[in-house]
Amino acid sequence: MLIDKCKYSWSEIDTLSIVWKTFADKYAGEFKTFVTKTSLRRFEIQIPFSHNQIKFVTTEYKPLNLCYTFKKILNDNFLIYNEDYTDKIMKFFGSKEFQIEDQTFDDKFFIETNNEVLVRQMLSAKVKDFLLGHEITNFKLDEINKEHQLSLTLITNELEISNLESALDIFKACILTIERKNNLL
């Protein structure tokens, strides 16, 4: 998803660098800034967690992305994203969606999964409240390049360290649920 204008002004980009560096330091992480081929700044934090690193990535245009790669191929996949009118039409014609029997959540999000038990375990009240309170582009567990990766892309104010901390807490809880289910702890 590309936003039609920069998310932050030049001075806010400088503030973003300071906030992200502070956040990385607080969680024993590593903060890096890159300039892309198109002269955009890309910000990245890697925070050690469990058996790998949680990576936070953003640019001047794209929303925040968190990702974590598991050290083992998993048999589980899911995709959760904001339901739109196309999805409603597809459901009318028989497209299958997993629902968690929470009307507010089911009305907002479309869920595809091969493991309903895992998704139910992962979507605790705290995780559901977080997802409902944010604009979620997608939240998925998928195999990418022969590795399983958990990824959450959301729109939030990245200038506020508390927003980064909330995302980190929720993401850690989801990682631990997936690791417990797959005997990775």
C-alpha atoms as a PDB file:
ATOM      1  CA  MET A   1       0.000   0.000   0.000  1.00  0.00           C
ATOM      2  CA  LEU A   2       1.424   3.367  -0.977  1.00  0.00           C
ATOM      3  CA  ILE A   3       0.083   6.474   0.713  1.00  0.00           C
ATOM      4  CA  ASP A   4      -0.334   9.413  -1.676  1.00  0.00           C
ATOM      5  CA  LYS A   5       1.906  11.716   0.354  1.00  0.00           C
ATOM      6  CA  CYS A   6       4.623  11.499   2.972  1.00  0.00           C
ATOM      7  CA  LYS A   7       3.410  10.401   6.376  1.00  0.00           C
ATOM      8  CA  TYR A   8       5.621  12.880   8.202  1.00  0.00           C
ATOM      9  CA  SER A   9       7.227  16.281   7.636  1.00  0.00           C
ATOM     10  CA  TRP A  10      11.028  16.629   7.498  1.00  0.00           C
ATOM     11  CA  SER A  11      11.175  17.659  11.153  1.00  0.00           C
ATOM     12  CA  GLU A  12       8.932  14.749  12.131  1.00  0.00           C
ATOM     13  CA  ILE A  13      11.245  12.372  10.247  1.00  0.00           C
ATOM     14  CA  ASP A  14      14.062  13.593  12.492  1.00  0.00           C
ATOM     15  CA  THR A  15      11.828  13.019  15.532  1.00  0.00           C
ATOM     16  CA  LEU A  16      10.988   9.556  14.193  1.00  0.00           C
ATOM     17  CA  SER A  17      14.707   8.721  14.107  1.00  0.00           C
ATOM     18  CA  ILE A  18      15.097   9.786  17.736  1.00  0.00           C
ATOM     19  CA  VAL A  19      11.975   7.890  18.887  1.00  0.00           C
ATOM     20  CA  TRP A  20      12.972   4.734  17.029  1.00  0.00           C
ATOM     21  CA  LYS A  21      16.535   4.869  18.393  1.00  0.00           C
ATOM     22  CA  THR A  22      15.172   5.298  21.937  1.00  0.00           C
ATOM     23  CA  PHE A  23      12.750   2.402  21.423  1.00  0.00           C
ATOM     24  CA  ALA A  24      15.512   0.151  20.038  1.00  0.00           C
ATOM     25  CA  ASP A  25      17.792   0.978  22.972  1.00  0.00           C
ATOM     26  CA  LYS A  26      15.027   0.273  25.505  1.00  0.00           C
ATOM     27  CA  TYR A  27      14.524  -3.245  24.112  1.00  0.00           C
ATOM     28  CA  ALA A  28      18.202  -4.074  23.433  1.00  0.00           C
ATOM     29  CA  GLY A  29      17.555  -3.717  19.721  1.00  0.00           C
ATOM     30  CA  GLU A  30      19.459  -2.321  16.789  1.00  0.00           C
ATOM     31  CA  PHE A  31      18.269   0.751  14.861  1.00  0.00           C
ATOM     32  CA  LYS A  32      19.294   1.431  11.258  1.00  0.00           C
ATOM     33  CA  THR A  33      18.412   4.058   8.689  1.00  0.00           C
ATOM     34  CA  PHE A  34      18.806   3.503   4.966  1.00  0.00           C
ATOM     35  CA  VAL A  35      18.347   5.720   1.948  1.00  0.00           C
ATOM     36  CA  THR A  36      16.688   3.802  -0.878  1.00  0.00           C
ATOM     37  CA  LYS A  37      17.420   4.117  -4.605  1.00  0.00           C
ATOM     38  CA  THR A  38      14.493   6.522  -4.855  1.00  0.00           C
ATOM     39  CA  SER A  39      15.910   8.723  -2.053  1.00  0.00           C
ATOM     40  CA  LEU A  40      13.361   7.592   0.515  1.00  0.00           C
ATOM     41  CA  ARG A  41      14.469   6.972   4.045  1.00  0.00           C
ATOM     42  CA  ARG A  42      13.822   3.493   5.409  1.00  0.00           C
ATOM     43  CA  PHE A  43      13.888   2.899   9.150  1.00  0.00           C
ATOM     44  CA  GLU A  44      14.497  -0.509  10.655  1.00  0.00           C
ATOM     45  CA  ILE A  45      14.704  -1.881  14.181  1.00  0.00           C
ATOM     46  CA  GLN A  46      15.620  -5.439  15.095  1.00  0.00           C
ATOM     47  CA  ILE A  47      14.699  -6.531  18.605  1.00  0.00           C
ATOM     48  CA  PRO A  48      15.874  -9.909  19.921  1.00  0.00           C
ATOM     49  CA  PHE A  49      13.012 -12.187  20.900  1.00  0.00           C
ATOM     50  CA  SER A  50      12.707 -15.910  21.494  1.00  0.00           C
ATOM     51  CA  HIS A  51      14.685 -17.684  18.748  1.00  0.00           C
ATOM     52  CA  ASN A  52      15.120 -14.749  16.353  1.00  0.00           C
ATOM     53  CA  GLN A  53      14.519 -11.008  15.891  1.00  0.00           C
ATOM     54  CA  ILE A  54      11.343  -8.967  15.620  1.00  0.00           C
ATOM     55  CA  LYS A  55      11.866  -6.494  12.822  1.00  0.00           C
ATOM     56  CA  PHE A  56      10.088  -3.118  12.637  1.00  0.00           C
ATOM     57  CA  VAL A  57      10.268  -1.438   9.217  1.00  0.00           C
ATOM     58  CA  THR A  58       8.810   1.783   7.881  1.00  0.00           C
ATOM     59  CA  THR A  59       9.487   4.369   5.188  1.00  0.00           C
ATOM     60  CA  GLU A  60       8.300   7.887   4.549  1.00  0.00           C
ATOM     61  CA  TYR A  61       5.344   6.503   2.574  1.00  0.00           C
ATOM     62  CA  LYS A  62       4.554   2.981   3.718  1.00  0.00           C
ATOM     63  CA  PRO A  63       2.832   1.892   6.917  1.00  0.00           C
ATOM     64  CA  LEU A  64       4.624   0.188   9.788  1.00  0.00           C
ATOM     65  CA  ASN A  65       5.475  -3.475   9.270  1.00  0.00           C
ATOM     66  CA  LEU A  66       6.497  -5.933  11.985  1.00  0.00           C
ATOM     67  CA  CYS A  67       7.852  -9.331  11.011  1.00  0.00           C
ATOM     68  CA  TYR A  68       9.339 -12.379  12.665  1.00  0.00           C
ATOM     69  CA  THR A  69      10.793 -15.440  10.942  1.00  0.00           C
ATOM     70  CA  PHE A  70      10.403 -18.800  12.635  1.00  0.00           C
ATOM     71  CA  LYS A  71      13.351 -21.182  12.623  1.00  0.00           C
ATOM     72  CA  LYS A  72      11.180 -24.025  11.371  1.00  0.00           C
ATOM     73  CA  ILE A  73       8.683 -24.546   8.549  1.00  0.00           C
ATOM     74  CA  LEU A  74       5.215 -24.618  10.100  1.00  0.00           C
ATOM     75  CA  ASN A  75       2.058 -26.251   8.829  1.00  0.00           C
ATOM     76  CA  ASP A  76      -0.020 -23.211   9.752  1.00  0.00           C
ATOM     77  CA  ASN A  77      -1.038 -20.214   7.670  1.00  0.00           C
ATOM     78  CA  PHE A  78      -3.475 -17.391   8.178  1.00  0.00           C
ATOM     79  CA  LEU A  79      -4.352 -14.038   6.659  1.00  0.00           C
ATOM     80  CA  ILE A  80      -6.394 -11.385   8.457  1.00  0.00           C
ATOM     81  CA  TYR A  81      -7.246  -8.130   6.703  1.00  0.00           C
ATOM     82  CA  ASN A  82      -9.917  -5.433   6.645  1.00  0.00           C
ATOM     83  CA  GLU A  83     -13.007  -6.797   4.945  1.00  0.00           C
ATOM     84  CA  ASP A  84     -14.243  -4.691   2.032  1.00  0.00           C
ATOM     85  CA  TYR A  85     -17.238  -4.782  -0.320  1.00  0.00           C
ATOM     86  CA  THR A  86     -15.450  -7.127  -2.720  1.00  0.00           C
ATOM     87  CA  ASP A  87     -15.056  -9.660   0.096  1.00  0.00           C
ATOM     88  CA  LYS A  88     -18.742  -9.333   0.969  1.00  0.00           C
ATOM     89  CA  ILE A  89     -19.679 -10.027  -2.658  1.00  0.00           C
ATOM     90  CA  MET A  90     -17.266 -12.978  -2.803  1.00  0.00           C
ATOM     91  CA  LYS A  91     -18.826 -14.397   0.380  1.00  0.00           C
ATOM     92  CA  PHE A  92     -22.285 -14.053  -1.183  1.00  0.00           C
ATOM     93  CA  PHE A  93     -21.066 -16.239  -4.065  1.00  0.00           C
ATOM     94  CA  GLY A  94     -19.571 -18.862  -1.769  1.00  0.00           C
ATOM     95  CA  SER A  95     -16.093 -17.638  -0.790  1.00  0.00           C
ATOM     96  CA  LYS A  96     -15.239 -19.253   2.532  1.00  0.00           C
ATOM     97  CA  GLU A  97     -14.250 -17.112   5.488  1.00  0.00           C
ATOM     98  CA  PHE A  98     -13.357 -18.235   8.985  1.00  0.00           C
ATOM     99  CA  GLN A  99     -15.311 -16.355  11.651  1.00  0.00           C
ATOM    100  CA  ILE A 100     -14.438 -16.284  15.343  1.00  0.00           C
ATOM    101  CA  GLU A 101     -18.008 -15.636  16.518  1.00  0.00           C
ATOM    102  CA  ASP A 102     -17.258 -12.099  17.675  1.00  0.00           C
ATOM    103  CA  GLN A 103     -19.646  -9.950  15.624  1.00  0.00           C
ATOM    104  CA  THR A 104     -17.588  -6.741  15.847  1.00  0.00           C
ATOM    105  CA  PHE A 105     -14.378  -8.505  14.833  1.00  0.00           C
ATOM    106  CA  ASP A 106     -16.012 -10.655  12.156  1.00  0.00           C
ATOM    107  CA  ASP A 107     -17.695  -7.598  10.597  1.00  0.00           C
ATOM    108  CA  LYS A 108     -14.396  -5.719  10.326  1.00  0.00           C
ATOM    109  CA  PHE A 109     -11.959  -8.474   9.320  1.00  0.00           C
ATOM    110  CA  PHE A 110     -11.802 -11.227   6.740  1.00  0.00           C
ATOM    111  CA  ILE A 111      -9.916 -14.317   7.980  1.00  0.00           C
ATOM    112  CA  GLU A 112      -8.468 -17.122   5.900  1.00  0.00           C
ATOM    113  CA  THR A 113      -6.660 -19.960   7.690  1.00  0.00           C
ATOM    114  CA  ASN A 114      -5.782 -23.623   7.559  1.00  0.00           C
ATOM    115  CA  ASN A 115      -5.767 -23.820  11.377  1.00  0.00           C
ATOM    116  CA  GLU A 116      -8.840 -22.396  13.092  1.00  0.00           C
ATOM    117  CA  VAL A 117      -7.647 -23.562  16.522  1.00  0.00           C
ATOM    118  CA  LEU A 118      -4.420 -21.546  16.254  1.00  0.00           C
ATOM    119  CA  VAL A 119      -6.258 -18.402  15.133  1.00  0.00           C
ATOM    120  CA  ARG A 120      -8.754 -18.696  18.005  1.00  0.00           C
ATOM    121  CA  GLN A 121      -5.898 -19.169  20.512  1.00  0.00           C
ATOM    122  CA  MET A 122      -3.962 -16.231  19.099  1.00  0.00           C
ATOM    123  CA  LEU A 123      -6.919 -13.845  19.003  1.00  0.00           C
ATOM    124  CA  SER A 124      -7.161 -13.215  22.732  1.00  0.00           C
ATOM    125  CA  ALA A 125      -9.292 -10.288  23.893  1.00  0.00           C
ATOM    126  CA  LYS A 126      -6.147  -8.127  24.082  1.00  0.00           C
ATOM    127  CA  VAL A 127      -5.067  -9.007  20.515  1.00  0.00           C
ATOM    128  CA  LYS A 128      -8.585  -8.478  19.139  1.00  0.00           C
ATOM    129  CA  ASP A 129      -8.867  -5.094  20.876  1.00  0.00           C
ATOM    130  CA  PHE A 130      -5.510  -4.034  19.431  1.00  0.00           C
ATOM    131  CA  LEU A 131      -6.462  -5.084  15.894  1.00  0.00           C
ATOM    132  CA  LEU A 132      -9.885  -3.441  16.162  1.00  0.00           C
ATOM    133  CA  GLY A 133      -8.275  -0.213  17.386  1.00  0.00           C
ATOM    134  CA  HIS A 134      -5.905   0.090  14.414  1.00  0.00           C
ATOM    135  CA  GLU A 135      -6.058   0.263  10.662  1.00  0.00           C
ATOM    136  CA  ILE A 136      -4.624  -3.124   9.728  1.00  0.00           C
ATOM    137  CA  THR A 137      -3.398  -3.606   6.174  1.00  0.00           C
ATOM    138  CA  ASN A 138      -2.750  -7.287   6.810  1.00  0.00           C
ATOM    139  CA  PHE A 139      -1.736  -9.692   9.507  1.00  0.00           C
ATOM    140  CA  LYS A 140      -0.448 -13.014   8.288  1.00  0.00           C
ATOM    141  CA  LEU A 141       1.516 -16.159   8.931  1.00  0.00           C
ATOM    142  CA  ASP A 142       2.841 -17.483   5.648  1.00  0.00           C
ATOM    143  CA  GLU A 143       5.696 -19.388   4.061  1.00  0.00           C
ATOM    144  CA  ILE A 144       8.114 -17.057   2.274  1.00  0.00           C
ATOM    145  CA  ASN A 145      11.315 -18.367   0.684  1.00  0.00           C
ATOM    146  CA  LYS A 146      11.028 -21.690   2.554  1.00  0.00           C
ATOM    147  CA  GLU A 147      10.659 -19.948   5.923  1.00  0.00           C
ATOM    148  CA  HIS A 148       7.536 -19.170   7.901  1.00  0.00           C
ATOM    149  CA  GLN A 149       7.071 -15.520   8.714  1.00  0.00           C
ATOM    150  CA  LEU A 150       4.585 -13.705  10.916  1.00  0.00           C
ATOM    151  CA  SER A 151       3.895 -10.221   9.570  1.00  0.00           C
ATOM    152  CA  LEU A 152       1.699  -7.358  10.755  1.00  0.00           C
ATOM    153  CA  THR A 153       1.259  -4.198   8.689  1.00  0.00           C
ATOM    154  CA  LEU A 154      -0.637  -1.365  10.333  1.00  0.00           C
ATOM    155  CA  ILE A 155      -1.125   2.360  10.263  1.00  0.00           C
ATOM    156  CA  THR A 156      -0.223   4.017  13.549  1.00  0.00           C
ATOM    157  CA  ASN A 157       1.540   7.127  14.806  1.00  0.00           C
ATOM    158  CA  GLU A 158       5.141   5.896  14.860  1.00  0.00           C
ATOM    159  CA  LEU A 159       6.265   9.100  16.592  1.00  0.00           C
ATOM    160  CA  GLU A 160       4.748   7.801  19.832  1.00  0.00           C
ATOM    161  CA  ILE A 161       6.893   5.199  21.571  1.00  0.00           C
ATOM    162  CA  SER A 162       3.795   3.851  23.363  1.00  0.00           C
ATOM    163  CA  ASN A 163       2.311   2.853  19.976  1.00  0.00           C
ATOM    164  CA  LEU A 164       5.471   0.914  19.126  1.00  0.00           C
ATOM    165  CA  GLU A 165       5.422  -0.748  22.555  1.00  0.00           C
ATOM    166  CA  SER A 166       1.770  -1.796  22.166  1.00  0.00           C
ATOM    167  CA  ALA A 167       2.498  -3.306  18.754  1.00  0.00           C
ATOM    168  CA  LEU A 168       5.542  -5.109  20.168  1.00  0.00           C
ATOM    169  CA  ASP A 169       3.580  -6.558  23.114  1.00  0.00           C
ATOM    170  CA  ILE A 170       0.798  -7.876  20.872  1.00  0.00           C
ATOM    171  CA  PHE A 171       3.261  -9.276  18.346  1.00  0.00           C
ATOM    172  CA  LYS A 172       5.247 -11.064  21.077  1.00  0.00           C
ATOM    173  CA  ALA A 173       2.056 -12.643  22.420  1.00  0.00           C
ATOM    174  CA  CYS A 174       1.175 -13.930  18.947  1.00  0.00           C
ATOM    175  CA  ILE A 175       4.681 -15.312  18.384  1.00  0.00           C
ATOM    176  CA  LEU A 176       4.569 -17.166  21.709  1.00  0.00           C
ATOM    177  CA  THR A 177       1.153 -18.653  20.890  1.00  0.00           C
ATOM    178  CA  ILE A 178       2.451 -19.930  17.538  1.00  0.00           C
ATOM    179  CA  GLU A 179       5.650 -21.278  19.127  1.00  0.00           C
ATOM    180  CA  ARG A 180       3.704 -23.070  21.889  1.00  0.00           C
ATOM    181  CA  LYS A 181       1.341 -24.632  19.363  1.00  0.00           C
ATOM    182  CA  ASN A 182       4.286 -25.841  17.261  1.00  0.00           C
ATOM    183  CA  ASN A 183       6.460 -26.982  20.230  1.00  0.00           C
ATOM    184  CA  LEU A 184       9.174 -24.420  19.453  1.00  0.00           C
ATOM    185  CA  LEU A 185       9.686 -23.101  22.994  1.00  0.00           C
END
